[in-house]
Amino acid sequence: MSPEFDVRYDTRLLREFAPIEVSNGFMVHFKMTARRLVLLGFCVSSPVMAESVLDLNVNDDAFRLSGGAEFGQRGRWDAGVLAHQDRGEMVHLGAHLVDEAASSAPLTAGLGGRVVWLAPDGDADDEFAVAVGGFVHYEIPNANRFSIAAELYYAPDVLGFGDLEEFVELGARVSYNVLRDADVYLGARYIRVDSDPGGEFTLDNGLIVGVQFRF
């Protein structure tokens, strides 16, 4: 029997992502307090799986914390939060079918999608999208401590809700296996949203450094 997982929605989560005001009136840009991250974790529950992953990456303006696990024989889910100190936040929940993409090369691919919730800073309304896409991961032969990976997710107008007309996320990274169950990596990320009447908006764009742990 394949393990099951469920997504539990609670309107309290939306209220918890309201901006924080401190005594001097300064608006705290990083809205993801520990309490809110715990609430996000309660929204996604799963049994113990074959392999779980915890990933953290940062740049000068943003951080992203995500996690995931395998389910069934070839399934993998993931969830995460990205917070930019000037532009807003993004929460995602994804599921993919993962398998070897080439029998003669160490290439793995995953196809699926993500449900994305965007909360831009300022007066813009929250937006939702169902982005389809996937990722590839390649271990370099004769240098198997090194690997490269890339991902792409896209939601056209028909898969956007609210004022969202288009969502694009691109990412790539080069990883080095420091320990058997831990990698460090250098990568790049680009996340763009197009909405009406807000126009084009880039949530994050630039280099990232990160670590990934496997359990």
C-alpha atoms as a PDB file:
ATOM      1  CA  MET A   1       0.000   0.000   0.000  1.00  0.00           C
ATOM      2  CA  SER A   2       1.373   3.406  -0.921  1.00  0.00           C
ATOM      3  CA  PRO A   3       1.701   6.002   1.834  1.00  0.00           C
ATOM      4  CA  GLU A   4      -0.786   8.818   1.729  1.00  0.00           C
ATOM      5  CA  PHE A   5      -0.503  12.472   2.530  1.00  0.00           C
ATOM      6  CA  ASP A   6      -3.109  15.171   2.905  1.00  0.00           C
ATOM      7  CA  VAL A   7      -3.254  18.915   2.701  1.00  0.00           C
ATOM      8  CA  ARG A   8      -5.202  20.667   5.477  1.00  0.00           C
ATOM      9  CA  TYR A   9      -6.372  24.196   4.884  1.00  0.00           C
ATOM     10  CA  ASP A  10      -7.082  26.547   7.743  1.00  0.00           C
ATOM     11  CA  THR A  11      -8.130  30.171   7.319  1.00  0.00           C
ATOM     12  CA  ARG A  12      -6.040  31.043  10.397  1.00  0.00           C
ATOM     13  CA  LEU A  13      -2.955  30.662   8.208  1.00  0.00           C
ATOM     14  CA  LEU A  14      -4.050  33.586   6.030  1.00  0.00           C
ATOM     15  CA  ARG A  15      -4.569  35.794   9.063  1.00  0.00           C
ATOM     16  CA  GLU A  16      -1.143  34.898  10.397  1.00  0.00           C
ATOM     17  CA  PHE A  17       0.511  36.289   7.269  1.00  0.00           C
ATOM     18  CA  ALA A  18      -0.790  39.804   7.886  1.00  0.00           C
ATOM     19  CA  PRO A  19       1.999  42.428   8.158  1.00  0.00           C
ATOM     20  CA  ILE A  20       3.604  42.915  11.555  1.00  0.00           C
ATOM     21  CA  GLU A  21       3.572  46.392  13.093  1.00  0.00           C
ATOM     22  CA  VAL A  22       6.009  47.174  15.903  1.00  0.00           C
ATOM     23  CA  SER A  23       5.756  50.004  18.394  1.00  0.00           C
ATOM     24  CA  ASN A  24       7.530  52.662  16.335  1.00  0.00           C
ATOM     25  CA  GLY A  25       5.386  52.010  13.283  1.00  0.00           C
ATOM     26  CA  PHE A  26       8.158  50.273  11.297  1.00  0.00           C
ATOM     27  CA  MET A  27       6.863  47.551   8.977  1.00  0.00           C
ATOM     28  CA  VAL A  28       8.770  44.306   9.464  1.00  0.00           C
ATOM     29  CA  HIS A  29       9.592  42.984   5.995  1.00  0.00           C
ATOM     30  CA  PHE A  30      10.175  39.339   6.864  1.00  0.00           C
ATOM     31  CA  LYS A  31       6.693  38.258   7.858  1.00  0.00           C
ATOM     32  CA  MET A  32       7.535  34.593   8.312  1.00  0.00           C
ATOM     33  CA  THR A  33       7.964  34.354  12.091  1.00  0.00           C
ATOM     34  CA  ALA A  34       8.605  31.013  13.751  1.00  0.00           C
ATOM     35  CA  ARG A  35       4.919  30.734  14.627  1.00  0.00           C
ATOM     36  CA  ARG A  36       3.889  31.184  11.003  1.00  0.00           C
ATOM     37  CA  LEU A  37       6.369  28.597   9.774  1.00  0.00           C
ATOM     38  CA  VAL A  38       4.952  26.151  12.317  1.00  0.00           C
ATOM     39  CA  LEU A  39       1.434  26.840  11.004  1.00  0.00           C
ATOM     40  CA  LEU A  40       2.676  26.219   7.481  1.00  0.00           C
ATOM     41  CA  GLY A  41       4.105  22.908   8.615  1.00  0.00           C
ATOM     42  CA  PHE A  42       0.756  21.838  10.089  1.00  0.00           C
ATOM     43  CA  CYS A  43      -0.885  22.475   6.707  1.00  0.00           C
ATOM     44  CA  VAL A  44       1.111  19.616   5.160  1.00  0.00           C
ATOM     45  CA  SER A  45       1.274  16.295   6.987  1.00  0.00           C
ATOM     46  CA  SER A  46       2.814  13.021   5.787  1.00  0.00           C
ATOM     47  CA  PRO A  47       4.014   9.715   7.203  1.00  0.00           C
ATOM     48  CA  VAL A  48       7.684   8.821   7.505  1.00  0.00           C
ATOM     49  CA  MET A  49       8.938   8.213   3.969  1.00  0.00           C
ATOM     50  CA  ALA A  50      11.945   6.593   2.308  1.00  0.00           C
ATOM     51  CA  GLU A  51      13.903   9.835   2.040  1.00  0.00           C
ATOM     52  CA  SER A  52      13.217  13.333   3.281  1.00  0.00           C
ATOM     53  CA  VAL A  53      14.996  16.524   2.194  1.00  0.00           C
ATOM     54  CA  LEU A  54      15.487  19.863   3.940  1.00  0.00           C
ATOM     55  CA  ASP A  55      16.815  22.753   1.842  1.00  0.00           C
ATOM     56  CA  LEU A  56      17.807  26.315   2.798  1.00  0.00           C
ATOM     57  CA  ASN A  57      19.195  28.972   0.463  1.00  0.00           C
ATOM     58  CA  VAL A  58      19.830  32.692   0.799  1.00  0.00           C
ATOM     59  CA  ASN A  59      21.014  35.786  -1.039  1.00  0.00           C
ATOM     60  CA  ASP A  60      21.379  39.424   0.020  1.00  0.00           C
ATOM     61  CA  ASP A  61      17.628  40.056  -0.059  1.00  0.00           C
ATOM     62  CA  ALA A  62      15.773  36.765   0.414  1.00  0.00           C
ATOM     63  CA  PHE A  63      15.769  33.322   1.946  1.00  0.00           C
ATOM     64  CA  ARG A  64      13.948  30.131   1.003  1.00  0.00           C
ATOM     65  CA  LEU A  65      13.242  27.176   3.266  1.00  0.00           C
ATOM     66  CA  SER A  66      11.744  24.042   1.758  1.00  0.00           C
ATOM     67  CA  GLY A  67      11.327  20.367   2.478  1.00  0.00           C
ATOM     68  CA  GLY A  68      10.032  17.281   0.773  1.00  0.00           C
ATOM     69  CA  ALA A  69       9.775  13.522   0.848  1.00  0.00           C
ATOM     70  CA  GLU A  70       9.139  10.536  -1.372  1.00  0.00           C
ATOM     71  CA  PHE A  71       5.767   8.806  -1.480  1.00  0.00           C
ATOM     72  CA  GLY A  72       4.787   5.642  -3.260  1.00  0.00           C
ATOM     73  CA  GLN A  73       7.331   4.191  -5.672  1.00  0.00           C
ATOM     74  CA  ARG A  74       8.065   7.267  -7.806  1.00  0.00           C
ATOM     75  CA  GLY A  75       6.232  10.157  -6.176  1.00  0.00           C
ATOM     76  CA  ARG A  76       7.737  13.142  -4.398  1.00  0.00           C
ATOM     77  CA  TRP A  77       6.052  16.098  -2.681  1.00  0.00           C
ATOM     78  CA  ASP A  78       7.632  19.332  -1.551  1.00  0.00           C
ATOM     79  CA  ALA A  79       6.581  22.484   0.292  1.00  0.00           C
ATOM     80  CA  GLY A  80       8.385  25.701   1.019  1.00  0.00           C
ATOM     81  CA  VAL A  81       8.357  29.393   1.766  1.00  0.00           C
ATOM     82  CA  LEU A  82      10.369  32.228   0.197  1.00  0.00           C
ATOM     83  CA  ALA A  83      10.583  35.640   1.877  1.00  0.00           C
ATOM     84  CA  HIS A  84      12.064  38.737   0.230  1.00  0.00           C
ATOM     85  CA  GLN A  85      12.738  41.666   2.547  1.00  0.00           C
ATOM     86  CA  ASP A  86      11.414  44.268   0.086  1.00  0.00           C
ATOM     87  CA  ARG A  87       9.033  42.473  -2.280  1.00  0.00           C
ATOM     88  CA  GLY A  88       6.930  39.963  -0.387  1.00  0.00           C
ATOM     89  CA  GLU A  89       6.531  36.250   0.204  1.00  0.00           C
ATOM     90  CA  MET A  90       5.686  33.074  -1.675  1.00  0.00           C
ATOM     91  CA  VAL A  91       4.459  29.732  -0.331  1.00  0.00           C
ATOM     92  CA  HIS A  92       4.281  26.607  -2.501  1.00  0.00           C
ATOM     93  CA  LEU A  93       3.104  23.008  -2.300  1.00  0.00           C
ATOM     94  CA  GLY A  94       4.153  20.645  -5.087  1.00  0.00           C
ATOM     95  CA  ALA A  95       3.961  17.034  -6.237  1.00  0.00           C
ATOM     96  CA  HIS A  96       6.005  15.272  -8.923  1.00  0.00           C
ATOM     97  CA  LEU A  97       6.442  11.924 -10.634  1.00  0.00           C
ATOM     98  CA  VAL A  98      10.192  11.177 -10.518  1.00  0.00           C
ATOM     99  CA  ASP A  99      12.184   8.616 -12.506  1.00  0.00           C
ATOM    100  CA  GLU A 100      15.446   8.056 -14.350  1.00  0.00           C
ATOM    101  CA  ALA A 101      15.403  10.050 -17.584  1.00  0.00           C
ATOM    102  CA  ALA A 102      18.222   8.120 -19.284  1.00  0.00           C
ATOM    103  CA  SER A 103      19.235   4.496 -18.760  1.00  0.00           C
ATOM    104  CA  SER A 104      22.875   5.137 -19.696  1.00  0.00           C
ATOM    105  CA  ALA A 105      23.441   8.323 -17.671  1.00  0.00           C
ATOM    106  CA  PRO A 106      22.868   9.410 -14.028  1.00  0.00           C
ATOM    107  CA  LEU A 107      20.037  11.740 -15.030  1.00  0.00           C
ATOM    108  CA  THR A 108      16.854  12.028 -12.953  1.00  0.00           C
ATOM    109  CA  ALA A 109      13.787  14.038 -13.923  1.00  0.00           C
ATOM    110  CA  GLY A 110      10.551  14.993 -12.217  1.00  0.00           C
ATOM    111  CA  LEU A 111       7.335  16.216 -13.830  1.00  0.00           C
ATOM    112  CA  GLY A 112       4.400  17.686 -11.973  1.00  0.00           C
ATOM    113  CA  GLY A 113       3.425  21.041 -10.592  1.00  0.00           C
ATOM    114  CA  ARG A 114       3.072  23.399  -7.678  1.00  0.00           C
ATOM    115  CA  VAL A 115       0.256  25.336  -6.075  1.00  0.00           C
ATOM    116  CA  VAL A 116       1.716  28.795  -5.443  1.00  0.00           C
ATOM    117  CA  TRP A 117       0.479  31.524  -3.099  1.00  0.00           C
ATOM    118  CA  LEU A 118       2.048  34.975  -3.556  1.00  0.00           C
ATOM    119  CA  ALA A 119       1.804  37.786  -0.997  1.00  0.00           C
ATOM    120  CA  PRO A 120       3.496  40.909  -2.447  1.00  0.00           C
ATOM    121  CA  ASP A 121       4.459  43.750  -0.137  1.00  0.00           C
ATOM    122  CA  GLY A 122       2.446  46.950  -0.391  1.00  0.00           C
ATOM    123  CA  ASP A 123      -1.197  47.306  -1.388  1.00  0.00           C
ATOM    124  CA  ALA A 124      -1.263  44.456  -3.939  1.00  0.00           C
ATOM    125  CA  ASP A 125      -3.706  41.612  -3.286  1.00  0.00           C
ATOM    126  CA  ASP A 126      -2.550  38.050  -2.650  1.00  0.00           C
ATOM    127  CA  GLU A 127      -2.489  35.867  -5.754  1.00  0.00           C
ATOM    128  CA  PHE A 128      -2.663  32.147  -6.447  1.00  0.00           C
ATOM    129  CA  ALA A 129      -1.522  29.956  -9.325  1.00  0.00           C
ATOM    130  CA  VAL A 130      -1.220  26.297 -10.309  1.00  0.00           C
ATOM    131  CA  ALA A 131       2.171  26.133 -12.000  1.00  0.00           C
ATOM    132  CA  VAL A 132       3.128  23.124 -14.119  1.00  0.00           C
ATOM    133  CA  GLY A 133       6.715  22.098 -14.738  1.00  0.00           C
ATOM    134  CA  GLY A 134       9.477  20.000 -13.293  1.00  0.00           C
ATOM    135  CA  PHE A 135      13.182  19.533 -12.707  1.00  0.00           C
ATOM    136  CA  VAL A 136      16.241  17.592 -13.870  1.00  0.00           C
ATOM    137  CA  HIS A 137      19.233  16.443 -11.811  1.00  0.00           C
ATOM    138  CA  TYR A 138      22.497  15.165 -13.297  1.00  0.00           C
ATOM    139  CA  GLU A 139      25.447  13.638 -11.444  1.00  0.00           C
ATOM    140  CA  ILE A 140      28.664  14.343 -13.321  1.00  0.00           C
ATOM    141  CA  PRO A 141      30.458  11.072 -14.255  1.00  0.00           C
ATOM    142  CA  ASN A 142      33.978  10.646 -12.851  1.00  0.00           C
ATOM    143  CA  ALA A 143      33.233  13.546 -10.493  1.00  0.00           C
ATOM    144  CA  ASN A 144      30.239  12.156  -8.655  1.00  0.00           C
ATOM    145  CA  ARG A 145      30.564  14.574  -5.746  1.00  0.00           C
ATOM    146  CA  PHE A 146      29.417  17.250  -8.199  1.00  0.00           C
ATOM    147  CA  SER A 147      25.947  17.524  -9.694  1.00  0.00           C
ATOM    148  CA  ILE A 148      23.904  20.058 -11.620  1.00  0.00           C
ATOM    149  CA  ALA A 149      20.169  20.662 -11.493  1.00  0.00           C
ATOM    150  CA  ALA A 150      17.586  22.920 -13.095  1.00  0.00           C
ATOM    151  CA  GLU A 151      13.872  23.589 -12.659  1.00  0.00           C
ATOM    152  CA  LEU A 152      11.105  25.388 -14.508  1.00  0.00           C
ATOM    153  CA  TYR A 153       7.511  26.156 -13.465  1.00  0.00           C
ATOM    154  CA  TYR A 154       4.960  28.108 -15.470  1.00  0.00           C
ATOM    155  CA  ALA A 155       1.348  29.174 -14.966  1.00  0.00           C
ATOM    156  CA  PRO A 156      -0.505  30.986 -17.775  1.00  0.00           C
ATOM    157  CA  ASP A 157      -3.567  33.152 -17.221  1.00  0.00           C
ATOM    158  CA  VAL A 158      -5.930  30.171 -17.259  1.00  0.00           C
ATOM    159  CA  LEU A 159      -4.108  28.638 -14.254  1.00  0.00           C
ATOM    160  CA  GLY A 160      -3.929  31.891 -12.299  1.00  0.00           C
ATOM    161  CA  PHE A 161      -6.472  33.122  -9.766  1.00  0.00           C
ATOM    162  CA  GLY A 162      -7.305  36.643  -8.738  1.00  0.00           C
ATOM    163  CA  ASP A 163      -5.478  39.188 -10.867  1.00  0.00           C
ATOM    164  CA  LEU A 164      -2.591  36.895 -11.793  1.00  0.00           C
ATOM    165  CA  GLU A 165      -2.023  36.568 -15.543  1.00  0.00           C
ATOM    166  CA  GLU A 166       1.332  34.753 -15.644  1.00  0.00           C
ATOM    167  CA  PHE A 167       3.792  33.122 -13.257  1.00  0.00           C
ATOM    168  CA  VAL A 168       7.323  32.002 -14.155  1.00  0.00           C
ATOM    169  CA  GLU A 169       9.976  30.407 -11.947  1.00  0.00           C
ATOM    170  CA  LEU A 170      13.406  29.368 -13.240  1.00  0.00           C
ATOM    171  CA  GLY A 171      16.265  27.945 -11.221  1.00  0.00           C
ATOM    172  CA  ALA A 172      19.635  26.233 -11.642  1.00  0.00           C
ATOM    173  CA  ARG A 173      22.368  25.089  -9.289  1.00  0.00           C
ATOM    174  CA  VAL A 174      25.742  23.341  -9.074  1.00  0.00           C
ATOM    175  CA  SER A 175      26.087  21.169  -5.960  1.00  0.00           C
ATOM    176  CA  TYR A 176      29.001  19.581  -4.133  1.00  0.00           C
ATOM    177  CA  ASN A 177      28.450  16.555  -1.907  1.00  0.00           C
ATOM    178  CA  VAL A 178      30.322  17.501   1.291  1.00  0.00           C
ATOM    179  CA  LEU A 179      28.915  14.628   3.350  1.00  0.00           C
ATOM    180  CA  ARG A 180      27.028  11.536   2.306  1.00  0.00           C
ATOM    181  CA  ASP A 181      23.728  13.201   3.226  1.00  0.00           C
ATOM    182  CA  ALA A 182      24.587  16.885   2.868  1.00  0.00           C
ATOM    183  CA  ASP A 183      25.319  19.145  -0.124  1.00  0.00           C
ATOM    184  CA  VAL A 184      26.355  22.761  -0.517  1.00  0.00           C
ATOM    185  CA  TYR A 185      25.468  24.582  -3.720  1.00  0.00           C
ATOM    186  CA  LEU A 186      25.668  27.758  -5.752  1.00  0.00           C
ATOM    187  CA  GLY A 187      22.792  28.658  -8.019  1.00  0.00           C
ATOM    188  CA  ALA A 188      20.586  31.276  -9.595  1.00  0.00           C
ATOM    189  CA  ARG A 189      16.849  31.954  -9.314  1.00  0.00           C
ATOM    190  CA  TYR A 190      14.314  34.036 -11.240  1.00  0.00           C
ATOM    191  CA  ILE A 191      10.672  34.419 -10.190  1.00  0.00           C
ATOM    192  CA  ARG A 192       8.349  36.742 -12.125  1.00  0.00           C
ATOM    193  CA  VAL A 193       4.649  37.487 -11.792  1.00  0.00           C
ATOM    194  CA  ASP A 194       2.464  39.348 -14.263  1.00  0.00           C
ATOM    195  CA  SER A 195      -0.869  40.634 -12.960  1.00  0.00           C
ATOM    196  CA  ASP A 196      -3.606  43.019 -14.007  1.00  0.00           C
ATOM    197  CA  PRO A 197      -3.562  45.885 -13.137  1.00  0.00           C
ATOM    198  CA  GLY A 198      -0.264  45.580 -11.267  1.00  0.00           C
ATOM    199  CA  GLY A 199       1.834  44.714 -14.303  1.00  0.00           C
ATOM    200  CA  GLU A 200       5.061  42.729 -14.300  1.00  0.00           C
ATOM    201  CA  PHE A 201       6.660  42.086 -10.912  1.00  0.00           C
ATOM    202  CA  THR A 202       9.923  40.243 -10.121  1.00  0.00           C
ATOM    203  CA  LEU A 203       9.789  38.580  -6.714  1.00  0.00           C
ATOM    204  CA  ASP A 204      13.422  37.432  -6.754  1.00  0.00           C
ATOM    205  CA  ASN A 205      16.267  37.452  -9.260  1.00  0.00           C
ATOM    206  CA  GLY A 206      19.944  36.647  -8.719  1.00  0.00           C
ATOM    207  CA  LEU A 207      22.498  34.269  -7.259  1.00  0.00           C
ATOM    208  CA  ILE A 208      21.837  32.041  -4.256  1.00  0.00           C
ATOM    209  CA  VAL A 209      23.949  29.889  -1.945  1.00  0.00           C
ATOM    210  CA  GLY A 210      22.449  27.011  -0.034  1.00  0.00           C
ATOM    211  CA  VAL A 211      22.674  23.719   1.805  1.00  0.00           C
ATOM    212  CA  GLN A 212      20.597  20.560   1.452  1.00  0.00           C
ATOM    213  CA  PHE A 213      20.233  17.741   3.975  1.00  0.00           C
ATOM    214  CA  ARG A 214      18.825  14.267   3.351  1.00  0.00           C
ATOM    215  CA  PHE A 215      17.343  12.091   6.095  1.00  0.00           C
END
